[in-house]
Amino acid sequence: MRVLNQHMKQVVDQVRLGFMATVCPDGTPNVSPKGTLCVVDDAHLIFADLRSPGTVANLRANQNIATWAKENVSLPDSWPSLPSTRLMPFTEI
């Protein structure tokens, strides 16, 4: 089981915006922003399935996922100097 460290949880709690990368049935990547990303516990993240039919369908077929959250996402000019957090949880639907 992968564990979210304290820094990862803080980033998600502060930013609430994550990008989920899943795999489409034809093998191509699909990256989708999720503005409802939340920490459930030390090993689980959750997002609301509001407009995510492609993401959810991809996860039902292939549970490989990468999640990325960027601190201070509203400051794109500062991106090179700001840390980001890559989260790679296992998936449960």
N, C-alpha and C. Protein backbone atom coordinates (compact mmCIF):
# COMPACT_ATOMS: atom_id res chain seq x y z
N MET A 1 0.84 -1.18 0.00
CA MET A 1 0.00 0.00 0.00
C MET A 1 0.89 1.24 0.00
N ARG A 2 0.56 2.20 -0.82
CA ARG A 2 1.28 3.47 -0.84
C ARG A 2 0.73 4.37 0.24
N VAL A 3 1.61 5.16 0.81
CA VAL A 3 1.21 6.03 1.91
C VAL A 3 1.45 7.48 1.51
N LEU A 4 0.49 8.32 1.82
CA LEU A 4 0.63 9.76 1.59
C LEU A 4 1.36 10.36 2.78
N ASN A 5 2.47 11.04 2.51
CA ASN A 5 3.17 11.67 3.62
C ASN A 5 2.49 13.00 3.98
N GLN A 6 2.94 13.62 5.03
CA GLN A 6 2.29 14.84 5.52
C GLN A 6 2.34 15.96 4.48
N HIS A 7 3.46 16.09 3.79
CA HIS A 7 3.57 17.13 2.77
C HIS A 7 2.56 16.92 1.64
N MET A 8 2.42 15.68 1.18
CA MET A 8 1.45 15.38 0.13
C MET A 8 0.04 15.75 0.58
N LYS A 9 -0.32 15.39 1.80
CA LYS A 9 -1.65 15.69 2.30
C LYS A 9 -1.87 17.19 2.42
N GLN A 10 -0.86 17.93 2.84
CA GLN A 10 -0.97 19.39 2.95
C GLN A 10 -1.19 20.02 1.58
N VAL A 11 -0.47 19.55 0.57
CA VAL A 11 -0.63 20.10 -0.78
C VAL A 11 -2.06 19.88 -1.25
N VAL A 12 -2.58 18.68 -1.11
CA VAL A 12 -3.95 18.39 -1.55
C VAL A 12 -4.94 19.24 -0.78
N ASP A 13 -4.78 19.36 0.53
CA ASP A 13 -5.71 20.15 1.34
C ASP A 13 -5.68 21.62 0.97
N GLN A 14 -4.52 22.14 0.64
CA GLN A 14 -4.40 23.56 0.33
C GLN A 14 -4.82 23.88 -1.10
N VAL A 15 -4.48 23.01 -2.04
CA VAL A 15 -4.70 23.30 -3.45
C VAL A 15 -6.06 22.80 -3.92
N ARG A 16 -6.44 21.60 -3.53
CA ARG A 16 -7.67 20.94 -3.95
C ARG A 16 -7.76 20.69 -5.45
N LEU A 17 -6.72 21.04 -6.17
CA LEU A 17 -6.72 20.79 -7.61
C LEU A 17 -5.64 19.78 -7.92
N GLY A 18 -6.05 18.70 -8.51
CA GLY A 18 -5.10 17.68 -8.91
C GLY A 18 -5.36 17.30 -10.35
N PHE A 19 -4.39 16.69 -10.96
CA PHE A 19 -4.53 16.20 -12.32
C PHE A 19 -4.38 14.70 -12.27
N MET A 20 -5.37 13.99 -12.79
CA MET A 20 -5.37 12.54 -12.81
C MET A 20 -4.99 12.05 -14.20
N ALA A 21 -3.99 11.21 -14.25
CA ALA A 21 -3.58 10.60 -15.51
C ALA A 21 -4.01 9.14 -15.49
N THR A 22 -4.84 8.79 -16.46
CA THR A 22 -5.31 7.41 -16.60
C THR A 22 -4.96 6.91 -17.99
N VAL A 23 -5.28 5.66 -18.26
CA VAL A 23 -4.98 5.05 -19.54
C VAL A 23 -6.29 4.71 -20.26
N CYS A 24 -6.45 5.22 -21.47
CA CYS A 24 -7.63 4.92 -22.29
C CYS A 24 -7.57 3.49 -22.81
N PRO A 25 -8.70 2.93 -23.23
CA PRO A 25 -8.71 1.56 -23.74
C PRO A 25 -7.73 1.33 -24.89
N ASP A 26 -7.47 2.36 -25.70
CA ASP A 26 -6.53 2.18 -26.82
C ASP A 26 -5.08 2.39 -26.41
N GLY A 27 -4.84 2.61 -25.09
CA GLY A 27 -3.48 2.75 -24.58
C GLY A 27 -2.98 4.18 -24.51
N THR A 28 -3.75 5.12 -25.00
CA THR A 28 -3.32 6.52 -24.94
C THR A 28 -3.58 7.09 -23.55
N PRO A 29 -2.78 8.08 -23.16
CA PRO A 29 -2.98 8.68 -21.85
C PRO A 29 -4.15 9.67 -21.86
N ASN A 30 -4.76 9.83 -20.71
CA ASN A 30 -5.81 10.81 -20.52
C ASN A 30 -5.50 11.56 -19.23
N VAL A 31 -5.35 12.87 -19.32
CA VAL A 31 -5.09 13.68 -18.14
C VAL A 31 -6.28 14.60 -17.93
N SER A 32 -6.81 14.60 -16.72
CA SER A 32 -8.01 15.37 -16.44
C SER A 32 -7.86 16.11 -15.11
N PRO A 33 -8.17 17.42 -15.08
CA PRO A 33 -8.10 18.16 -13.82
C PRO A 33 -9.26 17.75 -12.90
N LYS A 34 -8.98 17.70 -11.64
CA LYS A 34 -10.00 17.38 -10.64
C LYS A 34 -9.96 18.45 -9.56
N GLY A 35 -10.96 19.30 -9.53
CA GLY A 35 -11.01 20.39 -8.56
C GLY A 35 -11.62 20.01 -7.23
N THR A 36 -11.97 18.74 -7.07
CA THR A 36 -12.58 18.28 -5.82
C THR A 36 -11.70 17.27 -5.10
N LEU A 37 -10.43 17.27 -5.39
CA LEU A 37 -9.51 16.30 -4.80
C LEU A 37 -9.40 16.50 -3.29
N CYS A 38 -9.56 15.43 -2.54
CA CYS A 38 -9.48 15.48 -1.07
C CYS A 38 -8.74 14.26 -0.55
N VAL A 39 -8.13 14.42 0.60
CA VAL A 39 -7.48 13.32 1.31
C VAL A 39 -8.52 12.63 2.17
N VAL A 40 -8.59 11.30 2.07
CA VAL A 40 -9.49 10.52 2.91
C VAL A 40 -8.73 10.04 4.15
N ASP A 41 -7.54 9.48 3.93
CA ASP A 41 -6.69 9.02 5.02
C ASP A 41 -5.26 8.93 4.50
N ASP A 42 -4.40 8.23 5.20
CA ASP A 42 -2.99 8.17 4.82
C ASP A 42 -2.72 7.43 3.52
N ALA A 43 -3.73 6.75 2.99
CA ALA A 43 -3.50 5.96 1.78
C ALA A 43 -4.52 6.20 0.68
N HIS A 44 -5.49 7.10 0.90
CA HIS A 44 -6.55 7.26 -0.09
C HIS A 44 -6.87 8.73 -0.38
N LEU A 45 -7.08 8.99 -1.67
CA LEU A 45 -7.59 10.27 -2.14
C LEU A 45 -8.96 10.00 -2.75
N ILE A 46 -9.76 11.05 -2.83
CA ILE A 46 -11.07 10.92 -3.44
C ILE A 46 -11.35 12.17 -4.26
N PHE A 47 -12.14 12.02 -5.32
CA PHE A 47 -12.62 13.18 -6.06
C PHE A 47 -14.07 12.92 -6.43
N ALA A 48 -14.84 13.99 -6.57
CA ALA A 48 -16.24 13.86 -6.94
C ALA A 48 -16.35 13.55 -8.43
N ASP A 49 -17.20 12.63 -8.76
CA ASP A 49 -17.43 12.24 -10.15
C ASP A 49 -18.50 13.16 -10.73
N LEU A 50 -18.11 14.42 -10.99
CA LEU A 50 -19.05 15.41 -11.51
C LEU A 50 -19.12 15.38 -13.03
N ARG A 51 -17.97 15.48 -13.66
CA ARG A 51 -17.89 15.46 -15.12
C ARG A 51 -16.68 14.62 -15.51
N SER A 52 -16.66 13.39 -15.04
CA SER A 52 -15.49 12.55 -15.22
C SER A 52 -15.79 11.21 -15.88
N PRO A 53 -16.67 11.17 -16.88
CA PRO A 53 -16.99 9.85 -17.44
C PRO A 53 -15.80 9.14 -18.05
N GLY A 54 -14.90 9.88 -18.69
CA GLY A 54 -13.72 9.25 -19.28
C GLY A 54 -12.77 8.72 -18.22
N THR A 55 -12.53 9.51 -17.19
CA THR A 55 -11.63 9.08 -16.11
C THR A 55 -12.17 7.84 -15.42
N VAL A 56 -13.44 7.86 -15.06
CA VAL A 56 -14.03 6.72 -14.36
C VAL A 56 -14.06 5.48 -15.24
N ALA A 57 -14.41 5.64 -16.50
CA ALA A 57 -14.42 4.49 -17.42
C ALA A 57 -13.02 3.91 -17.56
N ASN A 58 -12.02 4.79 -17.69
CA ASN A 58 -10.65 4.31 -17.79
C ASN A 58 -10.24 3.54 -16.54
N LEU A 59 -10.61 4.04 -15.37
CA LEU A 59 -10.24 3.38 -14.11
C LEU A 59 -10.96 2.05 -13.94
N ARG A 60 -12.17 1.94 -14.44
CA ARG A 60 -12.87 0.65 -14.37
C ARG A 60 -12.15 -0.41 -15.21
N ALA A 61 -11.58 0.01 -16.33
CA ALA A 61 -10.89 -0.92 -17.22
C ALA A 61 -9.43 -1.14 -16.83
N ASN A 62 -8.81 -0.13 -16.26
CA ASN A 62 -7.38 -0.19 -15.94
C ASN A 62 -7.13 0.73 -14.75
N GLN A 63 -6.78 0.17 -13.62
CA GLN A 63 -6.68 0.96 -12.40
C GLN A 63 -5.34 1.69 -12.23
N ASN A 64 -4.52 1.71 -13.26
CA ASN A 64 -3.28 2.49 -13.18
C ASN A 64 -3.62 3.97 -13.25
N ILE A 65 -3.08 4.72 -12.29
CA ILE A 65 -3.37 6.15 -12.22
C ILE A 65 -2.15 6.87 -11.63
N ALA A 66 -1.94 8.07 -12.10
CA ALA A 66 -0.96 8.97 -11.49
C ALA A 66 -1.69 10.25 -11.17
N THR A 67 -1.41 10.81 -10.02
CA THR A 67 -2.05 12.05 -9.59
C THR A 67 -0.97 13.07 -9.30
N TRP A 68 -1.19 14.28 -9.75
CA TRP A 68 -0.20 15.33 -9.58
C TRP A 68 -0.91 16.56 -9.05
N ALA A 69 -0.32 17.21 -8.06
CA ALA A 69 -0.86 18.45 -7.51
C ALA A 69 0.27 19.46 -7.42
N LYS A 70 -0.03 20.70 -7.72
CA LYS A 70 0.98 21.75 -7.75
C LYS A 70 0.65 22.81 -6.71
N GLU A 71 1.61 23.07 -5.85
CA GLU A 71 1.43 24.13 -4.88
C GLU A 71 1.42 25.48 -5.59
N ASN A 72 0.65 26.41 -5.06
CA ASN A 72 0.57 27.76 -5.61
C ASN A 72 0.27 27.74 -7.11
N VAL A 73 -0.70 26.92 -7.47
CA VAL A 73 -1.02 26.74 -8.89
C VAL A 73 -1.47 28.04 -9.54
N SER A 74 -1.87 29.03 -8.76
CA SER A 74 -2.33 30.29 -9.34
C SER A 74 -1.17 31.20 -9.74
N LEU A 75 0.06 30.77 -9.55
CA LEU A 75 1.22 31.59 -9.87
C LEU A 75 2.08 30.90 -10.93
N PRO A 76 1.61 30.78 -12.16
CA PRO A 76 2.35 30.02 -13.16
C PRO A 76 3.74 30.57 -13.46
N ASP A 77 3.97 31.88 -13.31
CA ASP A 77 5.30 32.42 -13.57
C ASP A 77 6.33 31.90 -12.58
N SER A 78 5.88 31.43 -11.44
CA SER A 78 6.79 30.95 -10.40
C SER A 78 6.99 29.44 -10.42
N TRP A 79 6.38 28.75 -11.33
CA TRP A 79 6.43 27.28 -11.33
C TRP A 79 7.82 26.70 -11.19
N PRO A 80 8.83 27.20 -11.88
CA PRO A 80 10.14 26.55 -11.76
C PRO A 80 10.69 26.54 -10.34
N SER A 81 10.31 27.50 -9.51
CA SER A 81 10.87 27.58 -8.16
C SER A 81 9.95 26.99 -7.10
N LEU A 82 8.76 26.55 -7.48
CA LEU A 82 7.81 26.02 -6.52
C LEU A 82 7.78 24.49 -6.55
N PRO A 83 7.69 23.87 -5.40
CA PRO A 83 7.64 22.41 -5.38
C PRO A 83 6.29 21.88 -5.85
N SER A 84 6.30 20.68 -6.35
CA SER A 84 5.06 20.00 -6.69
C SER A 84 5.08 18.63 -6.04
N THR A 85 3.95 17.99 -6.02
CA THR A 85 3.84 16.69 -5.39
C THR A 85 3.22 15.71 -6.38
N ARG A 86 3.88 14.61 -6.58
CA ARG A 86 3.36 13.54 -7.44
C ARG A 86 2.83 12.46 -6.51
N LEU A 87 1.58 12.14 -6.67
CA LEU A 87 0.93 11.13 -5.84
C LEU A 87 0.53 9.97 -6.74
N MET A 88 0.80 8.77 -6.31
CA MET A 88 0.45 7.62 -7.13
C MET A 88 -0.30 6.58 -6.29
N PRO A 89 -1.54 6.89 -5.97
CA PRO A 89 -2.31 5.94 -5.15
C PRO A 89 -2.81 4.77 -5.97
N PHE A 90 -3.14 3.70 -5.28
CA PHE A 90 -3.86 2.62 -5.93
C PHE A 90 -5.30 3.06 -6.08
N THR A 91 -6.03 2.44 -6.98
CA THR A 91 -7.37 2.90 -7.30
C THR A 91 -8.41 1.91 -6.80
N GLU A 92 -9.48 2.45 -6.23
CA GLU A 92 -10.66 1.67 -5.89
C GLU A 92 -11.85 2.44 -6.39
N ILE A 93 -12.79 1.77 -7.04
CA ILE A 93 -14.00 2.44 -7.52
C ILE A 93 -15.18 1.89 -6.77
